[in-house]
C-alpha atoms as a PDB file:
ATOM      1  CA  MET A   1     182.843  75.095  54.358  1.00  0.00           C
ATOM      2  CA  GLN A   2     184.356  78.491  56.501  1.00  0.00           C
ATOM      3  CA  GLN A   3     184.481  77.506  59.844  1.00  0.00           C
ATOM      4  CA  SER A   4     183.515  80.479  62.078  1.00  0.00           C
ATOM      5  CA  ALA A   5     186.523  82.688  63.756  1.00  0.00           C
ATOM      6  CA  VAL A   6     184.357  82.613  66.864  1.00  0.00           C
ATOM      7  CA  PRO A   7     184.251  79.147  68.708  1.00  0.00           C
ATOM      8  CA  GLU A   8     180.003  77.742  68.925  1.00  0.00           C
ATOM      9  CA  LEU A   9     177.877  79.027  71.559  1.00  0.00           C
ATOM     10  CA  ALA A  10     177.205  76.562  74.420  1.00  0.00           C
ATOM     11  CA  HIS A  11     173.841  77.791  74.917  1.00  0.00           C
ATOM     12  CA  THR A  12     172.909  76.224  71.286  1.00  0.00           C
ATOM     13  CA  HIS A  13     173.471  73.188  71.599  1.00  0.00           C
ATOM     14  CA  THR A  14     170.136  71.639  74.362  1.00  0.00           C
ATOM     15  CA  ARG A  15     171.262  69.031  76.985  1.00  0.00           C
ATOM     16  CA  PRO A  16     168.588  67.649  79.132  1.00  0.00           C
ATOM     17  CA  ILE A  17     169.311  69.870  81.616  1.00  0.00           C
ATOM     18  CA  HIS A  18     167.905  73.144  79.020  1.00  0.00           C
ATOM     19  CA  TRP A  19     164.422  70.863  78.907  1.00  0.00           C
ATOM     20  CA  VAL A  20     164.141  69.774  81.866  1.00  0.00           C
ATOM     21  CA  ALA A  21     165.144  74.113  82.100  1.00  0.00           C
ATOM     22  CA  THR A  22     162.044  75.303  79.802  1.00  0.00           C
ATOM     23  CA  ALA A  23     159.121  72.754  80.812  1.00  0.00           C
ATOM     24  CA  THR A  24     159.007  73.642  84.681  1.00  0.00           C
ATOM     25  CA  ALA A  25     159.200  77.233  83.625  1.00  0.00           C
ATOM     26  CA  LEU A  26     156.621  76.793  81.607  1.00  0.00           C
ATOM     27  CA  ALA A  27     154.432  74.824  84.789  1.00  0.00           C
ATOM     28  CA  GLY A  28     155.478  77.823  86.027  1.00  0.00           C
ATOM     29  CA  VAL A  29     153.478  80.010  84.319  1.00  0.00           C
ATOM     30  CA  VAL A  30     151.016  77.653  84.151  1.00  0.00           C
ATOM     31  CA  ALA A  31     150.582  77.660  87.325  1.00  0.00           C
ATOM     32  CA  LEU A  32     150.866  80.836  88.119  1.00  0.00           C
ATOM     33  CA  SER A  33     147.511  81.757  85.894  1.00  0.00           C
ATOM     34  CA  SER A  34     145.331  79.492  87.636  1.00  0.00           C
ATOM     35  CA  ILE A  35     145.644  81.637  90.182  1.00  0.00           C
ATOM     36  CA  LEU A  36     146.887  85.189  89.214  1.00  0.00           C
ATOM     37  CA  GLN A  37     142.996  86.025  86.972  1.00  0.00           C
ATOM     38  CA  PRO A  38     141.653  89.320  86.115  1.00  0.00           C
ATOM     39  CA  ARG A  39     139.118  91.297  87.609  1.00  0.00           C
ATOM     40  CA  PRO A  40     134.831  90.234  86.093  1.00  0.00           C
ATOM     41  CA  ALA A  41     134.527  92.986  83.551  1.00  0.00           C
ATOM     42  CA  THR A  42     131.970  95.153  84.609  1.00  0.00           C
ATOM     43  CA  ALA A  43     130.072  97.241  82.156  1.00  0.00           C
ATOM     44  CA  ALA A  44     128.374 101.095  83.735  1.00  0.00           C
ATOM     45  CA  GLN A  45     124.737  99.928  84.759  1.00  0.00           C
ATOM     46  CA  PRO A  46     122.682 103.715  83.769  1.00  0.00           C
ATOM     47  CA  THR A  47     120.946 105.243  87.036  1.00  0.00           C
ATOM     48  CA  PRO A  48     117.739 104.263  87.938  1.00  0.00           C
ATOM     49  CA  PRO A  49     115.313 106.976  88.832  1.00  0.00           C
ATOM     50  CA  HIS A  50     115.004 106.700  91.976  1.00  0.00           C
ATOM     51  CA  ALA A  51     119.464 105.397  92.651  1.00  0.00           C
ATOM     52  CA  GLY A  52     120.099 105.818  96.483  1.00  0.00           C
ATOM     53  CA  THR A  53     116.438 104.035  97.874  1.00  0.00           C
ATOM     54  CA  THR A  54     115.673 100.628  98.534  1.00  0.00           C
ATOM     55  CA  PRO A  55     114.097  98.830  95.932  1.00  0.00           C
ATOM     56  CA  ALA A  56     110.105  98.816  96.566  1.00  0.00           C
ATOM     57  CA  THR A  57     109.092  95.094  96.713  1.00  0.00           C
ATOM     58  CA  ALA A  58     105.392  94.659  94.652  1.00  0.00           C
ATOM     59  CA  PRO A  59     102.547  94.442  96.508  1.00  0.00           C
ATOM     60  CA  ALA A  60     101.393  91.365  98.045  1.00  0.00           C
ATOM     61  CA  THR A  61      98.012  89.614  97.521  1.00  0.00           C
ATOM     62  CA  THR A  62      97.328  88.531 100.616  1.00  0.00           C
ATOM     63  CA  GLY A  63      94.334  90.720 102.876  1.00  0.00           C
ATOM     64  CA  VAL A  64      93.319  92.149  98.999  1.00  0.00           C
ATOM     65  CA  ASP A  65      89.610  93.266  98.918  1.00  0.00           C
ATOM     66  CA  PHE A  66      89.176  92.336  95.007  1.00  0.00           C
ATOM     67  CA  PRO A  67      86.173  93.455  93.459  1.00  0.00           C
ATOM     68  CA  LEU A  68      83.900  89.354  94.119  1.00  0.00           C
ATOM     69  CA  ASP A  69      81.296  88.452  94.796  1.00  0.00           C
ATOM     70  CA  CYS A  70      81.781  85.094  96.116  1.00  0.00           C
ATOM     71  CA  GLY A  71      78.956  84.788  98.478  1.00  0.00           C
ATOM     72  CA  PRO A  72      78.730  84.055 102.833  1.00  0.00           C
ATOM     73  CA  LYS A  73      81.339  80.862 102.649  1.00  0.00           C
ATOM     74  CA  VAL A  74      82.638  81.465  99.438  1.00  0.00           C
ATOM     75  CA  LYS A  75      87.366  82.578  99.133  1.00  0.00           C
ATOM     76  CA  PRO A  76      88.546  84.692  96.675  1.00  0.00           C
ATOM     77  CA  LEU A  77      91.406  82.985  94.844  1.00  0.00           C
ATOM     78  CA  VAL A  78      94.679  83.918  93.732  1.00  0.00           C
ATOM     79  CA  MET A  79      95.356  81.490  90.862  1.00  0.00           C
ATOM     80  CA  LYS A  80      97.952  83.996  89.179  1.00  0.00           C
ATOM     81  CA  LYS A  81     100.707  86.471  89.680  1.00  0.00           C
ATOM     82  CA  ALA A  82     103.176  88.960  88.176  1.00  0.00           C
ATOM     83  CA  SER A  83     104.866  92.463  89.302  1.00  0.00           C
ATOM     84  CA  GLY A  84     106.576  94.849  87.542  1.00  0.00           C
ATOM     85  CA  ASP A  85     106.283  98.410  87.101  1.00  0.00           C
ATOM     86  CA  LEU A  86     103.185  99.039  84.674  1.00  0.00           C
ATOM     87  CA  ASP A  87     103.395 103.063  84.704  1.00  0.00           C
ATOM     88  CA  GLY A  88     106.599 103.534  85.166  1.00  0.00           C
ATOM     89  CA  ASP A  89     106.583 105.848  88.439  1.00  0.00           C
ATOM     90  CA  GLY A  90     109.634 102.821  89.777  1.00  0.00           C
ATOM     91  CA  ARG A  91     107.480 100.905  91.900  1.00  0.00           C
ATOM     92  CA  PRO A  92     106.062  97.983  91.264  1.00  0.00           C
ATOM     93  CA  GLU A  93     102.835  97.086  90.503  1.00  0.00           C
ATOM     94  CA  THR A  94     101.831  93.345  91.228  1.00  0.00           C
ATOM     95  CA  VAL A  95      98.995  91.845  88.854  1.00  0.00           C
ATOM     96  CA  ALA A  96      96.785  88.757  89.886  1.00  0.00           C
ATOM     97  CA  ALA A  97      94.364  87.525  87.939  1.00  0.00           C
ATOM     98  CA  VAL A  98      91.747  86.045  91.278  1.00  0.00           C
ATOM     99  CA  HIS A  99      88.177  83.953  90.966  1.00  0.00           C
ATOM    100  CA  CYS A 100      85.719  82.496  93.925  1.00  0.00           C
ATOM    101  CA  ASP A 101      86.822  79.140  95.305  1.00  0.00           C
ATOM    102  CA  ALA A 102      84.043  77.487  93.906  1.00  0.00           C
ATOM    103  CA  PRO A 103      84.003  73.628  94.994  1.00  0.00           C
ATOM    104  CA  MET A 104      82.602  72.968  91.726  1.00  0.00           C
ATOM    105  CA  GLY A 105      82.162  74.683  88.410  1.00  0.00           C
ATOM    106  CA  THR A 106      85.268  76.691  86.609  1.00  0.00           C
ATOM    107  CA  PRO A 107      84.552  79.741  87.796  1.00  0.00           C
ATOM    108  CA  PRO A 108      85.142  83.036  85.711  1.00  0.00           C
ATOM    109  CA  ASP A 109      88.049  85.351  87.085  1.00  0.00           C
ATOM    110  CA  GLY A 110      88.644  88.419  88.098  1.00  0.00           C
ATOM    111  CA  VAL A 111      92.200  90.430  86.613  1.00  0.00           C
ATOM    112  CA  TYR A 112      93.168  93.531  88.698  1.00  0.00           C
ATOM    113  CA  VAL A 113      96.120  95.684  89.350  1.00  0.00           C
ATOM    114  CA  LEU A 114      97.234  95.810  92.943  1.00  0.00           C
ATOM    115  CA  THR A 115      99.844  99.033  93.927  1.00  0.00           C
ATOM    116  CA  GLN A 116     101.021  99.570  97.358  1.00  0.00           C
ATOM    117  CA  ALA A 117     101.773 103.075  98.348  1.00  0.00           C
ATOM    118  CA  ALA A 118     105.336 104.301  99.935  1.00  0.00           C
ATOM    119  CA  GLY A 119     104.593 103.203 103.711  1.00  0.00           C
ATOM    120  CA  SER A 120     101.877 101.205 103.540  1.00  0.00           C
ATOM    121  CA  THR A 121     101.508  98.191 104.986  1.00  0.00           C
ATOM    122  CA  HIS A 122      97.867  97.058 102.797  1.00  0.00           C
ATOM    123  CA  ALA A 123      98.201  96.751  99.377  1.00  0.00           C
ATOM    124  CA  ARG A 124      94.655  98.326  96.905  1.00  0.00           C
ATOM    125  CA  VAL A 125      93.232  97.211  93.851  1.00  0.00           C
ATOM    126  CA  VAL A 126      93.429 100.526  91.677  1.00  0.00           C
ATOM    127  CA  ALA A 127      92.278  99.098  88.202  1.00  0.00           C
ATOM    128  CA  THR A 128      90.000  95.394  86.555  1.00  0.00           C
ATOM    129  CA  LEU A 129      92.026  94.593  83.621  1.00  0.00           C
ATOM    130  CA  VAL A 130      89.401  91.966  83.191  1.00  0.00           C
ATOM    131  CA  ASP A 131      84.979  91.933  84.657  1.00  0.00           C
ATOM    132  CA  PRO A 132      84.366  88.421  85.771  1.00  0.00           C
ATOM    133  CA  LYS A 133      81.144  89.201  84.458  1.00  0.00           C
ATOM    134  CA  ASP A 134      82.940  88.774  81.111  1.00  0.00           C
ATOM    135  CA  ARG A 135      83.249  85.259  82.322  1.00  0.00           C
ATOM    136  CA  THR A 136      86.553  84.115  80.534  1.00  0.00           C
ATOM    137  CA  ASN A 137      89.588  82.440  81.876  1.00  0.00           C
ATOM    138  CA  ILE A 138      93.165  83.345  82.067  1.00  0.00           C
ATOM    139  CA  THR A 139      95.278  80.379  81.148  1.00  0.00           C
ATOM    140  CA  THR A 140      99.012  83.216  81.011  1.00  0.00           C
ATOM    141  CA  LEU A 141      99.597  86.001  82.754  1.00  0.00           C
ATOM    142  CA  THR A 142     102.719  88.008  82.493  1.00  0.00           C
ATOM    143  CA  VAL A 143     104.263  91.504  83.227  1.00  0.00           C
ATOM    144  CA  THR A 144     106.599  92.761  80.561  1.00  0.00           C
ATOM    145  CA  ASP A 145     108.411  95.317  79.709  1.00  0.00           C
ATOM    146  CA  GLY A 146     105.721  97.719  81.166  1.00  0.00           C
ATOM    147  CA  ALA A 147     103.270  95.871  79.813  1.00  0.00           C
ATOM    148  CA  VAL A 148     100.342  92.977  80.917  1.00  0.00           C
ATOM    149  CA  LEU A 149     100.260  90.406  79.082  1.00  0.00           C
ATOM    150  CA  ALA A 150      97.345  87.625  79.245  1.00  0.00           C
ATOM    151  CA  THR A 151      95.654  84.527  77.475  1.00  0.00           C
ATOM    152  CA  LEU A 152      92.387  85.166  77.321  1.00  0.00           C
ATOM    153  CA  LEU A 153      89.670  81.080  77.510  1.00  0.00           C
ATOM    154  CA  GLY A 154      86.391  83.351  76.591  1.00  0.00           C
ATOM    155  CA  TYR A 155      82.383  81.710  75.279  1.00  0.00           C
ATOM    156  CA  SER A 156      81.503  83.026  71.971  1.00  0.00           C
ATOM    157  CA  SER A 157      77.740  82.520  73.399  1.00  0.00           C
ATOM    158  CA  ALA A 158      75.542  82.182  76.199  1.00  0.00           C
ATOM    159  CA  ASP A 159      74.692  78.725  74.384  1.00  0.00           C
ATOM    160  CA  VAL A 160      78.173  77.351  75.134  1.00  0.00           C
ATOM    161  CA  PRO A 161      78.996  74.875  78.089  1.00  0.00           C
ATOM    162  CA  SER A 162      80.710  76.806  80.930  1.00  0.00           C
ATOM    163  CA  CYS A 163      82.823  73.797  80.647  1.00  0.00           C
ATOM    164  CA  CYS A 164      84.291  73.979  77.265  1.00  0.00           C
ATOM    165  CA  PRO A 165      85.061  78.013  76.311  1.00  0.00           C
ATOM    166  CA  ASP A 166      85.616  78.050  72.386  1.00  0.00           C
ATOM    167  CA  LEU A 167      87.355  81.186  72.275  1.00  0.00           C
ATOM    168  CA  LYS A 168      90.915  81.851  73.343  1.00  0.00           C
ATOM    169  CA  ASP A 169      92.276  84.628  72.386  1.00  0.00           C
ATOM    170  CA  SER A 170      96.097  87.002  73.432  1.00  0.00           C
ATOM    171  CA  VAL A 171      95.592  90.685  75.056  1.00  0.00           C
ATOM    172  CA  LYS A 172      97.650  93.374  76.265  1.00  0.00           C
ATOM    173  CA  TRP A 173      97.334  96.003  78.340  1.00  0.00           C
ATOM    174  CA  GLN A 174      99.602  99.247  78.761  1.00  0.00           C
ATOM    175  CA  TRP A 175      99.951 102.019  80.443  1.00  0.00           C
ATOM    176  CA  LYS A 176      99.042 104.935  79.007  1.00  0.00           C
ATOM    177  CA  ASP A 177      97.504 108.666  79.711  1.00  0.00           C
ATOM    178  CA  ASP A 178      96.776 108.342  82.993  1.00  0.00           C
ATOM    179  CA  MET A 179      94.499 104.710  81.699  1.00  0.00           C
ATOM    180  CA  PHE A 180      95.387 101.095  81.078  1.00  0.00           C
ATOM    181  CA  ILE A 181      95.512 100.530  76.622  1.00  0.00           C
ATOM    182  CA  ARG A 182      93.772  97.060  75.968  1.00  0.00           C
ATOM    183  CA  THR A 183      95.595  95.833  72.968  1.00  0.00           C
ATOM    184  CA  THR A 184      95.605  92.967  70.560  1.00  0.00           C
ATOM    185  CA  PRO A 185      99.801  91.429  70.878  1.00  0.00           C
ATOM    186  CA  ALA A 186     101.271  91.349  66.485  1.00  0.00           C
ATOM    187  CA  GLY A 187     100.951  87.477  65.761  1.00  0.00           C
ATOM    188  CA  ALA A 188      97.664  86.518  67.516  1.00  0.00           C
ATOM    189  CA  HIS A 189      94.652  85.456  67.400  1.00  0.00           C
ATOM    190  CA  SER A 190      92.077  83.270  68.285  1.00  0.00           C
ATOM    191  CA  VAL A 191      91.001  79.884  67.871  1.00  0.00           C
END
């Protein structure tokens, strides 16, 4: 074996102080990395159609004159409601399932679309999606992607007792050509 002409270098032999220095440096890097975090990532968001204006709030159902004939002593009762922009104007509408607050029985629901003009303090009914005369009840009501989705319980004939609806229907309303068009969502079926 041939001897090197250069004496052994000092840093090729580890000593305890080298391990302490390495451990200290590594601990410092770990501690510093937990303190210095990158800023949260942000993605460029598309500008809404009415950028720069304050977002509109959905119309409230309180104080609305619903087209229900409940009689002199019974008031309309909002059972379900959902909000969203149904007509693409950048302002949300509210959809409400309402029936007369009868002390007994299962009164039929009406489903109404409410809107509120900018600067106005009261909402108004602009469309009736389900008329209470249809003898239906609403079990679900949502607004998704500009469409109203609902599950209706109804009756196959006038002979079916009001306690026991025998039809179930999933429906969808979407604003098109200045009116609400009713369709049946894909995968929906009646019972």
